[in-house]
């Protein structure tokens, strides 16, 4: 089996490596490591969310959107995934679609604007 630096080591070692890449703003490097982790453990939200963030920051918006949609489908109340999905859609000029997710993220975070309070 041929391994590279990106897929070498235990899952925990690769998770740490991915976080170091991400913290160093090497989002493409982080994505290379995280893609393997997500493939190995697709049910885990943490690696998939960091992968989506790496894609977002490296302007791979369609890939970010796909990962975020998986998270939101599995866990509709995952606040940060909703927020990131909304922002990802905004960056793709899909503002109407983005607004729905941003409103849900805001509600999940308990951020209600004054108009909502005035209606009560």
PDB file of N, CA and C in Angstrom:
ATOM      1  N   UNK A   1       0.841  -1.187   0.000  1.00  0.00           N
ATOM      2  CA  UNK A   1       0.000   0.000   0.000  1.00  0.00           C
ATOM      3  C   UNK A   1       0.878   1.239   0.000  1.00  0.00           C
ATOM      4  N   UNK A   2       0.658   2.119  -0.929  1.00  0.00           N
ATOM      5  CA  UNK A   2       1.417   3.356  -1.058  1.00  0.00           C
ATOM      6  C   UNK A   2       0.725   4.456  -0.242  1.00  0.00           C
ATOM      7  N   UNK A   3       1.440   5.025   0.715  1.00  0.00           N
ATOM      8  CA  UNK A   3       0.847   6.096   1.522  1.00  0.00           C
ATOM      9  C   UNK A   3       1.619   7.382   1.299  1.00  0.00           C
ATOM     10  N   UNK A   4       0.945   8.455   1.517  1.00  0.00           N
ATOM     11  CA  UNK A   4       1.559   9.770   1.419  1.00  0.00           C
ATOM     12  C   UNK A   4       1.525  10.418   2.787  1.00  0.00           C
ATOM     13  N   UNK A   5       2.145  11.552   2.890  1.00  0.00           N
ATOM     14  CA  UNK A   5       2.137  12.307   4.142  1.00  0.00           C
ATOM     15  C   UNK A   5       0.710  12.608   4.592  1.00  0.00           C
ATOM     16  N   UNK A   6      -0.170  12.828   3.657  1.00  0.00           N
ATOM     17  CA  UNK A   6      -1.539  13.217   3.981  1.00  0.00           C
ATOM     18  C   UNK A   6      -2.363  12.083   4.588  1.00  0.00           C
ATOM     19  N   UNK A   7      -2.067  10.843   4.216  1.00  0.00           N
ATOM     20  CA  UNK A   7      -2.864   9.736   4.740  1.00  0.00           C
ATOM     21  C   UNK A   7      -2.054   8.799   5.632  1.00  0.00           C
ATOM     22  N   UNK A   8      -0.887   9.231   6.045  1.00  0.00           N
ATOM     23  CA  UNK A   8      -0.025   8.414   6.904  1.00  0.00           C
ATOM     24  C   UNK A   8      -0.409   8.579   8.373  1.00  0.00           C
ATOM     25  N   UNK A   9      -0.403   7.475   9.122  1.00  0.00           N
ATOM     26  CA  UNK A   9      -0.627   7.528  10.558  1.00  0.00           C
ATOM     27  C   UNK A   9      -2.028   7.117  10.954  1.00  0.00           C
ATOM     28  N   UNK A  10      -2.244   7.141  12.259  1.00  0.00           N
ATOM     29  CA  UNK A  10      -3.558   6.789  12.794  1.00  0.00           C
ATOM     30  C   UNK A  10      -4.562   7.893  12.492  1.00  0.00           C
ATOM     31  N   UNK A  11      -5.813   7.589  12.700  1.00  0.00           N
ATOM     32  CA  UNK A  11      -6.854   8.605  12.488  1.00  0.00           C
ATOM     33  C   UNK A  11      -6.622   9.806  13.400  1.00  0.00           C
ATOM     34  N   UNK A  12      -6.225   9.549  14.650  1.00  0.00           N
ATOM     35  CA  UNK A  12      -5.973  10.656  15.584  1.00  0.00           C
ATOM     36  C   UNK A  12      -4.807  11.522  15.114  1.00  0.00           C
ATOM     37  N   UNK A  13      -3.757  10.887  14.609  1.00  0.00           N
ATOM     38  CA  UNK A  13      -2.605  11.643  14.096  1.00  0.00           C
ATOM     39  C   UNK A  13      -2.994  12.472  12.879  1.00  0.00           C
ATOM     40  N   UNK A  14      -3.788  11.890  12.008  1.00  0.00           N
ATOM     41  CA  UNK A  14      -4.220  12.626  10.808  1.00  0.00           C
ATOM     42  C   UNK A  14      -5.158  13.766  11.176  1.00  0.00           C
ATOM     43  N   UNK A  15      -6.017  13.570  12.184  1.00  0.00           N
ATOM     44  CA  UNK A  15      -6.910  14.633  12.650  1.00  0.00           C
ATOM     45  C   UNK A  15      -6.076  15.812  13.156  1.00  0.00           C
ATOM     46  N   UNK A  16      -5.058  15.528  13.952  1.00  0.00           N
ATOM     47  CA  UNK A  16      -4.171  16.586  14.447  1.00  0.00           C
ATOM     48  C   UNK A  16      -3.445  17.275  13.299  1.00  0.00           C
ATOM     49  N   UNK A  17      -2.987  16.493  12.328  1.00  0.00           N
ATOM     50  CA  UNK A  17      -2.298  17.051  11.164  1.00  0.00           C
ATOM     51  C   UNK A  17      -3.241  17.965  10.383  1.00  0.00           C
ATOM     52  N   UNK A  18      -4.467  17.524  10.196  1.00  0.00           N
ATOM     53  CA  UNK A  18      -5.449  18.340   9.468  1.00  0.00           C
ATOM     54  C   UNK A  18      -5.694  19.659  10.199  1.00  0.00           C
ATOM     55  N   UNK A  19      -5.802  19.593  11.520  1.00  0.00           N
ATOM     56  CA  UNK A  19      -6.015  20.813  12.292  1.00  0.00           C
ATOM     57  C   UNK A  19      -4.814  21.757  12.180  1.00  0.00           C
ATOM     58  N   UNK A  20      -3.599  21.193  12.161  1.00  0.00           N
ATOM     59  CA  UNK A  20      -2.403  22.042  11.998  1.00  0.00           C
ATOM     60  C   UNK A  20      -2.406  22.716  10.634  1.00  0.00           C
ATOM     61  N   UNK A  21      -2.740  21.962   9.579  1.00  0.00           N
ATOM     62  CA  UNK A  21      -2.839  22.560   8.246  1.00  0.00           C
ATOM     63  C   UNK A  21      -3.867  23.690   8.255  1.00  0.00           C
ATOM     64  N   UNK A  22      -5.022  23.404   8.840  1.00  0.00           N
ATOM     65  CA  UNK A  22      -6.099  24.397   8.867  1.00  0.00           C
ATOM     66  C   UNK A  22      -5.652  25.646   9.623  1.00  0.00           C
ATOM     67  N   UNK A  23      -5.062  25.461  10.799  1.00  0.00           N
ATOM     68  CA  UNK A  23      -4.605  26.594  11.601  1.00  0.00           C
ATOM     69  C   UNK A  23      -3.536  27.421  10.883  1.00  0.00           C
ATOM     70  N   UNK A  24      -2.741  26.753  10.035  1.00  0.00           N
ATOM     71  CA  UNK A  24      -1.712  27.439   9.256  1.00  0.00           C
ATOM     72  C   UNK A  24      -2.278  28.048   7.967  1.00  0.00           C
ATOM     73  N   UNK A  25      -3.592  27.954   7.812  1.00  0.00           N
ATOM     74  CA  UNK A  25      -4.303  28.464   6.631  1.00  0.00           C
ATOM     75  C   UNK A  25      -3.926  27.736   5.336  1.00  0.00           C
ATOM     76  N   UNK A  26      -3.443  26.499   5.484  1.00  0.00           N
ATOM     77  CA  UNK A  26      -3.215  25.637   4.330  1.00  0.00           C
ATOM     78  C   UNK A  26      -4.477  24.790   4.177  1.00  0.00           C
ATOM     79  N   UNK A  27      -5.516  25.421   3.651  1.00  0.00           N
ATOM     80  CA  UNK A  27      -6.825  24.781   3.587  1.00  0.00           C
ATOM     81  C   UNK A  27      -6.857  23.611   2.608  1.00  0.00           C
ATOM     82  N   UNK A  28      -6.104  23.722   1.525  1.00  0.00           N
ATOM     83  CA  UNK A  28      -6.060  22.617   0.563  1.00  0.00           C
ATOM     84  C   UNK A  28      -5.372  21.403   1.195  1.00  0.00           C
ATOM     85  N   UNK A  29      -4.309  21.618   1.947  1.00  0.00           N
ATOM     86  CA  UNK A  29      -3.641  20.521   2.645  1.00  0.00           C
ATOM     87  C   UNK A  29      -4.553  19.893   3.678  1.00  0.00           C
ATOM     88  N   UNK A  30      -5.254  20.732   4.428  1.00  0.00           N
ATOM     89  CA  UNK A  30      -6.206  20.218   5.423  1.00  0.00           C
ATOM     90  C   UNK A  30      -7.274  19.373   4.746  1.00  0.00           C
ATOM     91  N   UNK A  31      -7.771  19.841   3.623  1.00  0.00           N
ATOM     92  CA  UNK A  31      -8.816  19.109   2.900  1.00  0.00           C
ATOM     93  C   UNK A  31      -8.314  17.749   2.429  1.00  0.00           C
ATOM     94  N   UNK A  32      -7.063  17.681   2.005  1.00  0.00           N
ATOM     95  CA  UNK A  32      -6.513  16.393   1.547  1.00  0.00           C
ATOM     96  C   UNK A  32      -6.512  15.378   2.676  1.00  0.00           C
ATOM     97  N   UNK A  33      -6.143  15.811   3.873  1.00  0.00           N
ATOM     98  CA  UNK A  33      -6.128  14.904   5.017  1.00  0.00           C
ATOM     99  C   UNK A  33      -7.557  14.562   5.438  1.00  0.00           C
ATOM    100  N   UNK A  34      -8.392  15.569   5.521  1.00  0.00           N
ATOM    101  CA  UNK A  34      -9.759  15.387   6.019  1.00  0.00           C
ATOM    102  C   UNK A  34     -10.614  14.534   5.097  1.00  0.00           C
ATOM    103  N   UNK A  35     -10.399  14.631   3.805  1.00  0.00           N
ATOM    104  CA  UNK A  35     -11.197  13.825   2.867  1.00  0.00           C
ATOM    105  C   UNK A  35     -11.039  12.339   3.171  1.00  0.00           C
ATOM    106  N   UNK A  36      -9.821  11.918   3.497  1.00  0.00           N
ATOM    107  CA  UNK A  36      -9.595  10.524   3.852  1.00  0.00           C
ATOM    108  C   UNK A  36     -10.266  10.146   5.167  1.00  0.00           C
ATOM    109  N   UNK A  37     -10.203  11.052   6.138  1.00  0.00           N
ATOM    110  CA  UNK A  37     -10.847  10.789   7.425  1.00  0.00           C
ATOM    111  C   UNK A  37     -12.358  10.665   7.275  1.00  0.00           C
ATOM    112  N   UNK A  38     -12.940  11.543   6.471  1.00  0.00           N
ATOM    113  CA  UNK A  38     -14.391  11.508   6.255  1.00  0.00           C
ATOM    114  C   UNK A  38     -14.781  10.224   5.524  1.00  0.00           C
ATOM    115  N   UNK A  39     -13.962   9.806   4.591  1.00  0.00           N
ATOM    116  CA  UNK A  39     -14.247   8.560   3.868  1.00  0.00           C
ATOM    117  C   UNK A  39     -14.215   7.361   4.819  1.00  0.00           C
ATOM    118  N   UNK A  40     -13.285   7.381   5.760  1.00  0.00           N
ATOM    119  CA  UNK A  40     -13.153   6.273   6.720  1.00  0.00           C
ATOM    120  C   UNK A  40     -14.266   6.261   7.770  1.00  0.00           C
ATOM    121  N   UNK A  41     -14.704   7.434   8.181  1.00  0.00           N
ATOM    122  CA  UNK A  41     -15.722   7.537   9.240  1.00  0.00           C
ATOM    123  C   UNK A  41     -16.765   8.571   8.840  1.00  0.00           C
ATOM    124  N   UNK A  42     -17.594   8.255   7.855  1.00  0.00           N
ATOM    125  CA  UNK A  42     -18.539   9.235   7.325  1.00  0.00           C
ATOM    126  C   UNK A  42     -19.595   9.700   8.329  1.00  0.00           C
ATOM    127  N   UNK A  43     -19.789   8.946   9.398  1.00  0.00           N
ATOM    128  CA  UNK A  43     -20.802   9.319  10.384  1.00  0.00           C
ATOM    129  C   UNK A  43     -20.325  10.403  11.342  1.00  0.00           C
ATOM    130  N   UNK A  44     -19.032  10.693  11.382  1.00  0.00           N
ATOM    131  CA  UNK A  44     -18.499  11.681  12.310  1.00  0.00           C
ATOM    132  C   UNK A  44     -18.667  13.096  11.764  1.00  0.00           C
ATOM    133  N   UNK A  45     -19.259  13.944  12.572  1.00  0.00           N
ATOM    134  CA  UNK A  45     -19.538  15.315  12.152  1.00  0.00           C
ATOM    135  C   UNK A  45     -18.292  16.197  12.174  1.00  0.00           C
ATOM    136  N   UNK A  46     -17.447  16.053  13.177  1.00  0.00           N
ATOM    137  CA  UNK A  46     -16.284  16.935  13.328  1.00  0.00           C
ATOM    138  C   UNK A  46     -15.385  17.004  12.112  1.00  0.00           C
ATOM    139  N   UNK A  47     -14.890  15.875  11.632  1.00  0.00           N
ATOM    140  CA  UNK A  47     -14.032  15.920  10.443  1.00  0.00           C
ATOM    141  C   UNK A  47     -14.761  16.452   9.207  1.00  0.00           C
ATOM    142  N   UNK A  48     -16.030  16.094   9.053  1.00  0.00           N
ATOM    143  CA  UNK A  48     -16.782  16.559   7.884  1.00  0.00           C
ATOM    144  C   UNK A  48     -16.989  18.077   7.947  1.00  0.00           C
ATOM    145  N   UNK A  49     -17.253  18.604   9.127  1.00  0.00           N
ATOM    146  CA  UNK A  49     -17.449  20.040   9.273  1.00  0.00           C
ATOM    147  C   UNK A  49     -16.142  20.789   9.004  1.00  0.00           C
ATOM    148  N   UNK A  50     -15.025  20.275   9.521  1.00  0.00           N
ATOM    149  CA  UNK A  50     -13.745  20.925   9.252  1.00  0.00           C
ATOM    150  C   UNK A  50     -13.388  20.819   7.776  1.00  0.00           C
ATOM    151  N   UNK A  51     -13.743  19.698   7.140  1.00  0.00           N
ATOM    152  CA  UNK A  51     -13.528  19.555   5.697  1.00  0.00           C
ATOM    153  C   UNK A  51     -14.337  20.604   4.944  1.00  0.00           C
ATOM    154  N   UNK A  52     -15.581  20.792   5.322  1.00  0.00           N
ATOM    155  CA  UNK A  52     -16.418  21.814   4.673  1.00  0.00           C
ATOM    156  C   UNK A  52     -15.805  23.199   4.851  1.00  0.00           C
ATOM    157  N   UNK A  53     -15.311  23.482   6.044  1.00  0.00           N
ATOM    158  CA  UNK A  53     -14.672  24.778   6.296  1.00  0.00           C
ATOM    159  C   UNK A  53     -13.413  24.950   5.450  1.00  0.00           C
ATOM    160  N   UNK A  54     -12.625  23.866   5.317  1.00  0.00           N
ATOM    161  CA  UNK A  54     -11.414  23.924   4.484  1.00  0.00           C
ATOM    162  C   UNK A  54     -11.786  24.185   3.026  1.00  0.00           C
ATOM    163  N   UNK A  55     -12.817  23.511   2.546  1.00  0.00           N
ATOM    164  CA  UNK A  55     -13.288  23.753   1.184  1.00  0.00           C
ATOM    165  C   UNK A  55     -13.766  25.196   1.032  1.00  0.00           C
ATOM    166  N   UNK A  56     -14.521  25.681   2.002  1.00  0.00           N
ATOM    167  CA  UNK A  56     -15.038  27.054   1.962  1.00  0.00           C
ATOM    168  C   UNK A  56     -13.888  28.056   1.856  1.00  0.00           C
ATOM    169  N   UNK A  57     -12.895  27.904   2.717  1.00  0.00           N
ATOM    170  CA  UNK A  57     -11.786  28.861   2.751  1.00  0.00           C
ATOM    171  C   UNK A  57     -10.866  28.736   1.541  1.00  0.00           C
ATOM    172  N   UNK A  58     -10.898  27.604   0.857  1.00  0.00           N
ATOM    173  CA  UNK A  58     -10.092  27.456  -0.351  1.00  0.00           C
ATOM    174  C   UNK A  58     -10.944  27.651  -1.610  1.00  0.00           C
ATOM    175  N   UNK A  59     -12.121  28.250  -1.425  1.00  0.00           N
ATOM    176  CA  UNK A  59     -13.031  28.608  -2.519  1.00  0.00           C
ATOM    177  C   UNK A  59     -13.503  27.407  -3.333  1.00  0.00           C
ATOM    178  N   UNK A  60     -13.578  26.257  -2.696  1.00  0.00           N
ATOM    179  CA  UNK A  60     -14.160  25.064  -3.317  1.00  0.00           C
ATOM    180  C   UNK A  60     -15.608  24.977  -2.821  1.00  0.00           C
ATOM    181  N   UNK A  61     -16.408  25.930  -3.273  1.00  0.00           N
ATOM    182  CA  UNK A  61     -17.723  26.148  -2.686  1.00  0.00           C
ATOM    183  C   UNK A  61     -18.707  25.015  -2.935  1.00  0.00           C
ATOM    184  N   UNK A  62     -18.663  24.410  -4.084  1.00  0.00           N
ATOM    185  CA  UNK A  62     -19.578  23.288  -4.364  1.00  0.00           C
ATOM    186  C   UNK A  62     -19.268  22.108  -3.445  1.00  0.00           C
ATOM    187  N   UNK A  63     -17.991  21.868  -3.225  1.00  0.00           N
ATOM    188  CA  UNK A  63     -17.609  20.786  -2.325  1.00  0.00           C
ATOM    189  C   UNK A  63     -18.013  21.108  -0.888  1.00  0.00           C
ATOM    190  N   UNK A  64     -17.805  22.355  -0.479  1.00  0.00           N
ATOM    191  CA  UNK A  64     -18.220  22.779   0.871  1.00  0.00           C
ATOM    192  C   UNK A  64     -19.721  22.579   1.027  1.00  0.00           C
ATOM    193  N   UNK A  65     -20.472  23.019   0.041  1.00  0.00           N
ATOM    194  CA  UNK A  65     -21.926  22.882   0.083  1.00  0.00           C
ATOM    195  C   UNK A  65     -22.337  21.418   0.227  1.00  0.00           C
ATOM    196  N   UNK A  66     -21.708  20.537  -0.533  1.00  0.00           N
ATOM    197  CA  UNK A  66     -22.070  19.109  -0.485  1.00  0.00           C
ATOM    198  C   UNK A  66     -21.832  18.535   0.915  1.00  0.00           C
ATOM    199  N   UNK A  67     -20.705  18.860   1.515  1.00  0.00           N
ATOM    200  CA  UNK A  67     -20.414  18.346   2.863  1.00  0.00           C
ATOM    201  C   UNK A  67     -21.383  18.921   3.887  1.00  0.00           C
ATOM    202  N   UNK A  68     -21.678  20.192   3.775  1.00  0.00           N
ATOM    203  CA  UNK A  68     -22.598  20.834   4.720  1.00  0.00           C
ATOM    204  C   UNK A  68     -24.010  20.286   4.586  1.00  0.00           C
ATOM    205  N   UNK A  69     -24.429  19.999   3.382  1.00  0.00           N
ATOM    206  CA  UNK A  69     -25.767  19.421   3.189  1.00  0.00           C
ATOM    207  C   UNK A  69     -25.874  18.035   3.833  1.00  0.00           C
ATOM    208  N   UNK A  70     -24.806  17.261   3.779  1.00  0.00           N
ATOM    209  CA  UNK A  70     -24.820  15.948   4.444  1.00  0.00           C
ATOM    210  C   UNK A  70     -25.021  16.140   5.949  1.00  0.00           C
ATOM    211  N   UNK A  71     -24.293  17.086   6.529  1.00  0.00           N
ATOM    212  CA  UNK A  71     -24.404  17.334   7.969  1.00  0.00           C
ATOM    213  C   UNK A  71     -25.812  17.788   8.329  1.00  0.00           C
ATOM    214  N   UNK A  72     -26.345  18.745   7.593  1.00  0.00           N
ATOM    215  CA  UNK A  72     -27.672  19.298   7.887  1.00  0.00           C
ATOM    216  C   UNK A  72     -28.757  18.241   7.683  1.00  0.00           C
ATOM    217  N   UNK A  73     -28.582  17.391   6.698  1.00  0.00           N
ATOM    218  CA  UNK A  73     -29.557  16.322   6.480  1.00  0.00           C
ATOM    219  C   UNK A  73     -29.579  15.360   7.671  1.00  0.00           C
ATOM    220  N   UNK A  74     -28.416  15.040   8.192  1.00  0.00           N
ATOM    221  CA  UNK A  74     -28.322  14.124   9.333  1.00  0.00           C
ATOM    222  C   UNK A  74     -28.743  14.778  10.639  1.00  0.00           C
ATOM    223  N   UNK A  75     -28.424  16.060  10.781  1.00  0.00           N
ATOM    224  CA  UNK A  75     -28.685  16.773  12.032  1.00  0.00           C
ATOM    225  C   UNK A  75     -29.217  18.168  11.703  1.00  0.00           C
ATOM    226  N   UNK A  76     -30.522  18.295  11.474  1.00  0.00           N
ATOM    227  CA  UNK A  76     -31.103  19.564  11.035  1.00  0.00           C
ATOM    228  C   UNK A  76     -30.902  20.729  12.007  1.00  0.00           C
ATOM    229  N   UNK A  77     -30.564  20.438  13.260  1.00  0.00           N
ATOM    230  CA  UNK A  77     -30.372  21.517  14.226  1.00  0.00           C
ATOM    231  C   UNK A  77     -28.894  21.806  14.485  1.00  0.00           C
ATOM    232  N   UNK A  78     -28.008  21.325  13.617  1.00  0.00           N
ATOM    233  CA  UNK A  78     -26.579  21.628  13.731  1.00  0.00           C
ATOM    234  C   UNK A  78     -26.378  23.077  13.288  1.00  0.00           C
ATOM    235  N   UNK A  79     -26.359  23.955  14.278  1.00  0.00           N
ATOM    236  CA  UNK A  79     -26.346  25.410  14.060  1.00  0.00           C
ATOM    237  C   UNK A  79     -25.205  25.876  13.156  1.00  0.00           C
ATOM    238  N   UNK A  80     -23.972  25.460  13.468  1.00  0.00           N
ATOM    239  CA  UNK A  80     -22.830  25.980  12.717  1.00  0.00           C
ATOM    240  C   UNK A  80     -22.852  25.506  11.267  1.00  0.00           C
ATOM    241  N   UNK A  81     -23.281  24.273  11.023  1.00  0.00           N
ATOM    242  CA  UNK A  81     -23.378  23.779   9.650  1.00  0.00           C
ATOM    243  C   UNK A  81     -24.403  24.591   8.869  1.00  0.00           C
ATOM    244  N   UNK A  82     -25.512  24.942   9.520  1.00  0.00           N
ATOM    245  CA  UNK A  82     -26.529  25.791   8.866  1.00  0.00           C
ATOM    246  C   UNK A  82     -25.936  27.153   8.508  1.00  0.00           C
ATOM    247  N   UNK A  83     -25.225  27.738   9.455  1.00  0.00           N
ATOM    248  CA  UNK A  83     -24.605  29.042   9.224  1.00  0.00           C
ATOM    249  C   UNK A  83     -23.624  28.972   8.057  1.00  0.00           C
ATOM    250  N   UNK A  84     -22.755  27.969   8.083  1.00  0.00           N
ATOM    251  CA  UNK A  84     -21.771  27.820   7.010  1.00  0.00           C
ATOM    252  C   UNK A  84     -22.437  27.540   5.666  1.00  0.00           C
ATOM    253  N   UNK A  85     -23.509  26.754   5.670  1.00  0.00           N
ATOM    254  CA  UNK A  85     -24.221  26.490   4.425  1.00  0.00           C
ATOM    255  C   UNK A  85     -24.794  27.789   3.871  1.00  0.00           C
ATOM    256  N   UNK A  86     -25.385  28.597   4.735  1.00  0.00           N
ATOM    257  CA  UNK A  86     -25.904  29.887   4.288  1.00  0.00           C
ATOM    258  C   UNK A  86     -24.818  30.769   3.701  1.00  0.00           C
ATOM    259  N   UNK A  87     -23.692  30.841   4.359  1.00  0.00           N
ATOM    260  CA  UNK A  87     -22.581  31.669   3.864  1.00  0.00           C
ATOM    261  C   UNK A  87     -22.010  31.125   2.556  1.00  0.00           C
ATOM    262  N   UNK A  88     -21.951  29.807   2.468  1.00  0.00           N
ATOM    263  CA  UNK A  88     -21.456  29.180   1.238  1.00  0.00           C
ATOM    264  C   UNK A  88     -22.376  29.503   0.072  1.00  0.00           C
ATOM    265  N   UNK A  89     -23.668  29.428   0.303  1.00  0.00           N
ATOM    266  CA  UNK A  89     -24.632  29.762  -0.750  1.00  0.00           C
ATOM    267  C   UNK A  89     -24.557  31.249  -1.108  1.00  0.00           C
ATOM    268  N   UNK A  90     -24.352  32.108  -0.129  1.00  0.00           N
ATOM    269  CA  UNK A  90     -24.189  33.541  -0.405  1.00  0.00           C
ATOM    270  C   UNK A  90     -23.006  33.780  -1.339  1.00  0.00           C
ATOM    271  N   UNK A  91     -21.897  33.117  -1.063  1.00  0.00           N
ATOM    272  CA  UNK A  91     -20.695  33.294  -1.894  1.00  0.00           C
ATOM    273  C   UNK A  91     -20.912  32.802  -3.316  1.00  0.00           C
ATOM    274  N   UNK A  92     -21.932  31.973  -3.513  1.00  0.00           N
ATOM    275  CA  UNK A  92     -22.271  31.492  -4.845  1.00  0.00           C
ATOM    276  C   UNK A  92     -23.393  32.330  -5.456  1.00  0.00           C
ATOM    277  N   UNK A  93     -23.714  33.460  -4.807  1.00  0.00           N
ATOM    278  CA  UNK A  93     -24.766  34.376  -5.256  1.00  0.00           C
ATOM    279  C   UNK A  93     -26.139  33.693  -5.289  1.00  0.00           C
ATOM    280  N   UNK A  94     -26.360  32.775  -4.368  1.00  0.00           N
ATOM    281  CA  UNK A  94     -27.644  32.084  -4.244  1.00  0.00           C
ATOM    282  C   UNK A  94     -28.310  32.605  -2.968  1.00  0.00           C
ATOM    283  N   UNK A  95     -28.560  33.904  -2.961  1.00  0.00           N
ATOM    284  CA  UNK A  95     -28.978  34.632  -1.770  1.00  0.00           C
ATOM    285  C   UNK A  95     -30.318  34.177  -1.207  1.00  0.00           C
ATOM    286  N   UNK A  96     -31.277  33.927  -2.051  1.00  0.00           N
ATOM    287  CA  UNK A  96     -32.588  33.508  -1.564  1.00  0.00           C
ATOM    288  C   UNK A  96     -32.495  32.165  -0.833  1.00  0.00           C
ATOM    289  N   UNK A  97     -31.775  31.244  -1.414  1.00  0.00           N
ATOM    290  CA  UNK A  97     -31.578  29.938  -0.795  1.00  0.00           C
ATOM    291  C   UNK A  97     -30.755  30.073   0.498  1.00  0.00           C
ATOM    292  N   UNK A  98     -29.779  30.945   0.481  1.00  0.00           N
ATOM    293  CA  UNK A  98     -28.925  31.172   1.654  1.00  0.00           C
ATOM    294  C   UNK A  98     -29.726  31.730   2.819  1.00  0.00           C
ATOM    295  N   UNK A  99     -30.631  32.620   2.533  1.00  0.00           N
ATOM    296  CA  UNK A  99     -31.392  33.293   3.586  1.00  0.00           C
ATOM    297  C   UNK A  99     -32.135  32.308   4.479  1.00  0.00           C
ATOM    298  N   UNK A 100     -32.695  31.290   3.900  1.00  0.00           N
ATOM    299  CA  UNK A 100     -33.423  30.280   4.678  1.00  0.00           C
ATOM    300  C   UNK A 100     -32.505  29.643   5.720  1.00  0.00           C
ATOM    301  N   UNK A 101     -31.328  29.236   5.303  1.00  0.00           N
ATOM    302  CA  UNK A 101     -30.399  28.580   6.218  1.00  0.00           C
ATOM    303  C   UNK A 101     -29.862  29.552   7.261  1.00  0.00           C
ATOM    304  N   UNK A 102     -29.636  30.782   6.876  1.00  0.00           N
ATOM    305  CA  UNK A 102     -29.146  31.779   7.828  1.00  0.00           C
ATOM    306  C   UNK A 102     -30.201  32.097   8.882  1.00  0.00           C
ATOM    307  N   UNK A 103     -31.470  32.151   8.480  1.00  0.00           N
ATOM    308  CA  UNK A 103     -32.550  32.374   9.457  1.00  0.00           C
ATOM    309  C   UNK A 103     -32.647  31.217  10.442  1.00  0.00           C
ATOM    310  N   UNK A 104     -32.559  30.005   9.935  1.00  0.00           N
ATOM    311  CA  UNK A 104     -32.618  28.834  10.812  1.00  0.00           C
ATOM    312  C   UNK A 104     -31.430  28.830  11.772  1.00  0.00           C
ATOM    313  N   UNK A 105     -30.238  29.115  11.258  1.00  0.00           N
ATOM    314  CA  UNK A 105     -29.042  29.163  12.117  1.00  0.00           C
ATOM    315  C   UNK A 105     -29.201  30.208  13.205  1.00  0.00           C
ATOM    316  N   UNK A 106     -29.740  31.340  12.835  1.00  0.00           N
ATOM    317  CA  UNK A 106     -29.956  32.412  13.808  1.00  0.00           C
ATOM    318  C   UNK A 106     -30.944  31.989  14.887  1.00  0.00           C
ATOM    319  N   UNK A 107     -32.021  31.361  14.481  1.00  0.00           N
ATOM    320  CA  UNK A 107     -33.027  30.896  15.441  1.00  0.00           C
ATOM    321  C   UNK A 107     -32.443  29.819  16.363  1.00  0.00           C
ATOM    322  N   UNK A 108     -31.658  28.905  15.800  1.00  0.00           N
ATOM    323  CA  UNK A 108     -31.047  27.850  16.606  1.00  0.00           C
ATOM    324  C   UNK A 108     -30.069  28.420  17.626  1.00  0.00           C
ATOM    325  N   UNK A 109     -29.437  29.531  17.268  1.00  0.00           N
ATOM    326  CA  UNK A 109     -28.480  30.172  18.179  1.00  0.00           C
ATOM    327  C   UNK A 109     -29.183  31.075  19.184  1.00  0.00           C
ATOM    328  N   UNK A 110     -30.503  31.275  18.998  1.00  0.00           N
ATOM    329  CA  UNK A 110     -31.244  32.150  19.902  1.00  0.00           C
ATOM    330  C   UNK A 110     -31.115  33.619  19.555  1.00  0.00           C
ATOM    331  N   UNK A 111     -30.670  33.899  18.340  1.00  0.00           N
ATOM    332  CA  UNK A 111     -30.525  35.286  17.889  1.00  0.00           C
ATOM    333  C   UNK A 111     -31.790  35.723  17.169  1.00  0.00           C
ATOM    334  N   UNK A 112     -32.653  36.403  17.900  1.00  0.00           N
ATOM    335  CA  UNK A 112     -33.888  36.900  17.306  1.00  0.00           C
ATOM    336  C   UNK A 112     -33.771  38.403  17.191  1.00  0.00           C
ATOM    337  N   UNK A 113     -34.157  38.930  16.056  1.00  0.00           N
ATOM    338  CA  UNK A 113     -34.055  40.385  15.922  1.00  0.00           C
ATOM    339  C   UNK A 113     -35.246  41.063  16.593  1.00  0.00           C
ATOM    340  N   UNK A 114     -35.174  42.374  16.715  1.00  0.00           N
ATOM    341  CA  UNK A 114     -36.199  43.151  17.422  1.00  0.00           C
ATOM    342  C   UNK A 114     -37.580  42.998  16.806  1.00  0.00           C
ATOM    343  N   UNK A 115     -37.653  42.786  15.503  1.00  0.00           N
ATOM    344  CA  UNK A 115     -38.959  42.628  14.856  1.00  0.00           C
ATOM    345  C   UNK A 115     -39.684  41.408  15.404  1.00  0.00           C
ATOM    346  N   UNK A 116     -38.932  40.328  15.680  1.00  0.00           N
ATOM    347  CA  UNK A 116     -39.555  39.122  16.219  1.00  0.00           C
ATOM    348  C   UNK A 116     -40.098  39.380  17.632  1.00  0.00           C
ATOM    349  N   UNK A 117     -39.386  40.145  18.424  1.00  0.00           N
ATOM    350  CA  UNK A 117     -39.827  40.443  19.782  1.00  0.00           C
ATOM    351  C   UNK A 117     -41.028  41.361  19.797  1.00  0.00           C
ATOM    352  N   UNK A 118     -41.099  42.264  18.834  1.00  0.00           N
ATOM    353  CA  UNK A 118     -42.217  43.210  18.770  1.00  0.00           C
ATOM    354  C   UNK A 118     -43.537  42.532  18.438  1.00  0.00           C
ATOM    355  N   UNK A 119     -43.486  41.391  17.786  1.00  0.00           N
ATOM    356  CA  UNK A 119     -44.704  40.668  17.400  1.00  0.00           C
ATOM    357  C   UNK A 119     -45.360  39.986  18.593  1.00  0.00           C
ATOM    358  N   UNK A 120     -44.625  39.736  19.653  1.00  0.00           N
ATOM    359  CA  UNK A 120     -45.169  39.012  20.818  1.00  0.00           C
ATOM    360  C   UNK A 120     -46.090  39.865  21.658  1.00  0.00           C
TER     361      UNK A 120
END
